[in-house]
Amino acid sequence: MKNTFELVHVGINNNSHEESTQLANLLCALFNLTPRHGGKSEFAGNYFECMNMPFLGTHGHIAMQTDDLEAAVEELKE
């Protein structure tokens, strides 16, 4: 059986809380999204996570969701 994958959000690394807030506010203005505060980031709607400091990946990360993680890992190995 093939797994289904859903995009959860796109994470974008920034160098400071000020940068992440500015970027989140810009994305909210551009795409008519609601800003939201996270523990280590600022969100623009549910689509963009603006990290307060460099985190996963060189420039950021793409968060995906699947119902069966172990099966998804095996499928992606193929």
C-alpha atoms as a PDB file:
ATOM      1  CA  MET A   1       0.000   0.000   0.000  1.00  0.00           C
ATOM      2  CA  LYS A   2       1.262   3.456  -0.854  1.00  0.00           C
ATOM      3  CA  ASN A   3       1.452   6.023   1.915  1.00  0.00           C
ATOM      4  CA  THR A   4      -0.079   9.438   1.693  1.00  0.00           C
ATOM      5  CA  PHE A   5       1.983  12.473   2.588  1.00  0.00           C
ATOM      6  CA  GLU A   6       0.689  15.919   3.503  1.00  0.00           C
ATOM      7  CA  LEU A   7       2.591  19.180   3.715  1.00  0.00           C
ATOM      8  CA  VAL A   8       2.426  20.523   7.274  1.00  0.00           C
ATOM      9  CA  HIS A   9       4.484  23.703   6.864  1.00  0.00           C
ATOM     10  CA  VAL A  10       7.645  25.212   5.407  1.00  0.00           C
ATOM     11  CA  GLY A  11      10.246  26.264   7.981  1.00  0.00           C
ATOM     12  CA  ILE A  12      12.519  29.202   7.163  1.00  0.00           C
ATOM     13  CA  ASN A  13      15.686  29.832   9.176  1.00  0.00           C
ATOM     14  CA  ASN A  14      16.424  33.364  10.406  1.00  0.00           C
ATOM     15  CA  ASN A  15      19.234  34.804  12.506  1.00  0.00           C
ATOM     16  CA  SER A  16      17.136  36.483  15.208  1.00  0.00           C
ATOM     17  CA  HIS A  17      13.681  36.838  16.704  1.00  0.00           C
ATOM     18  CA  GLU A  18      13.437  40.264  15.067  1.00  0.00           C
ATOM     19  CA  GLU A  19      14.122  38.779  11.601  1.00  0.00           C
ATOM     20  CA  SER A  20      11.621  35.965  12.086  1.00  0.00           C
ATOM     21  CA  THR A  21       8.934  38.399  13.249  1.00  0.00           C
ATOM     22  CA  GLN A  22       9.514  40.691  10.263  1.00  0.00           C
ATOM     23  CA  LEU A  23       9.359  37.768   7.827  1.00  0.00           C
ATOM     24  CA  ALA A  24       6.233  36.286   9.431  1.00  0.00           C
ATOM     25  CA  ASN A  25       4.520  39.683   9.295  1.00  0.00           C
ATOM     26  CA  LEU A  26       5.486  40.109   5.633  1.00  0.00           C
ATOM     27  CA  LEU A  27       4.160  36.645   4.720  1.00  0.00           C
ATOM     28  CA  CYS A  28       0.945  37.364   6.637  1.00  0.00           C
ATOM     29  CA  ALA A  29       0.480  40.627   4.733  1.00  0.00           C
ATOM     30  CA  LEU A  30       1.249  39.053   1.348  1.00  0.00           C
ATOM     31  CA  PHE A  31      -0.990  36.013   1.743  1.00  0.00           C
ATOM     32  CA  ASN A  32      -3.651  37.335   4.162  1.00  0.00           C
ATOM     33  CA  LEU A  33      -2.576  34.956   6.944  1.00  0.00           C
ATOM     34  CA  THR A  34      -2.903  35.215  10.718  1.00  0.00           C
ATOM     35  CA  PRO A  35       0.344  35.548  12.725  1.00  0.00           C
ATOM     36  CA  ARG A  36       0.949  33.143  15.597  1.00  0.00           C
ATOM     37  CA  HIS A  37       3.740  32.872  18.179  1.00  0.00           C
ATOM     38  CA  GLY A  38       5.547  29.560  18.669  1.00  0.00           C
ATOM     39  CA  GLY A  39       8.127  28.494  21.232  1.00  0.00           C
ATOM     40  CA  LYS A  40      11.148  28.950  18.956  1.00  0.00           C
ATOM     41  CA  SER A  41       9.504  30.613  15.977  1.00  0.00           C
ATOM     42  CA  GLU A  42       6.854  32.897  14.552  1.00  0.00           C
ATOM     43  CA  PHE A  43       4.188  31.454  12.270  1.00  0.00           C
ATOM     44  CA  ALA A  44       2.468  32.980   9.272  1.00  0.00           C
ATOM     45  CA  GLY A  45      -0.801  31.092   9.253  1.00  0.00           C
ATOM     46  CA  ASN A  46      -0.316  27.344   9.225  1.00  0.00           C
ATOM     47  CA  TYR A  47       1.948  27.421   6.179  1.00  0.00           C
ATOM     48  CA  PHE A  48       5.176  29.152   7.230  1.00  0.00           C
ATOM     49  CA  GLU A  49       7.296  28.693  10.354  1.00  0.00           C
ATOM     50  CA  CYS A  50       9.863  31.483  10.641  1.00  0.00           C
ATOM     51  CA  MET A  51      12.573  30.185  12.962  1.00  0.00           C
ATOM     52  CA  ASN A  52      14.139  32.618  15.465  1.00  0.00           C
ATOM     53  CA  MET A  53      17.579  31.113  14.806  1.00  0.00           C
ATOM     54  CA  PRO A  54      19.109  28.626  12.360  1.00  0.00           C
ATOM     55  CA  PHE A  55      17.513  25.228  12.979  1.00  0.00           C
ATOM     56  CA  LEU A  56      17.032  22.164  10.776  1.00  0.00           C
ATOM     57  CA  GLY A  57      18.608  22.415   7.321  1.00  0.00           C
ATOM     58  CA  THR A  58      20.858  25.075   5.854  1.00  0.00           C
ATOM     59  CA  HIS A  59      17.973  27.398   4.991  1.00  0.00           C
ATOM     60  CA  GLY A  60      15.101  25.666   6.746  1.00  0.00           C
ATOM     61  CA  HIS A  61      12.940  22.583   6.501  1.00  0.00           C
ATOM     62  CA  ILE A  62       9.784  21.149   4.966  1.00  0.00           C
ATOM     63  CA  ALA A  63       7.527  19.407   7.492  1.00  0.00           C
ATOM     64  CA  MET A  64       5.535  16.492   6.090  1.00  0.00           C
ATOM     65  CA  GLN A  65       2.964  14.251   7.774  1.00  0.00           C
ATOM     66  CA  THR A  66       2.011  10.639   7.124  1.00  0.00           C
ATOM     67  CA  ASP A  67      -0.187   8.200   9.018  1.00  0.00           C
ATOM     68  CA  ASP A  68       2.371   5.357   9.118  1.00  0.00           C
ATOM     69  CA  LEU A  69       5.909   6.633   9.652  1.00  0.00           C
ATOM     70  CA  GLU A  70       7.639   3.242   9.581  1.00  0.00           C
ATOM     71  CA  ALA A  71       5.936   2.231   6.331  1.00  0.00           C
ATOM     72  CA  ALA A  72       6.698   5.648   4.840  1.00  0.00           C
ATOM     73  CA  VAL A  73      10.401   5.296   5.664  1.00  0.00           C
ATOM     74  CA  GLU A  74      10.496   1.895   3.969  1.00  0.00           C
ATOM     75  CA  GLU A  75       8.640   3.243   0.945  1.00  0.00           C
ATOM     76  CA  LEU A  76      11.032   6.183   0.603  1.00  0.00           C
ATOM     77  CA  LYS A  77      14.021   3.810   0.716  1.00  0.00           C
ATOM     78  CA  GLU A  78      12.800   2.134  -2.514  1.00  0.00           C
END
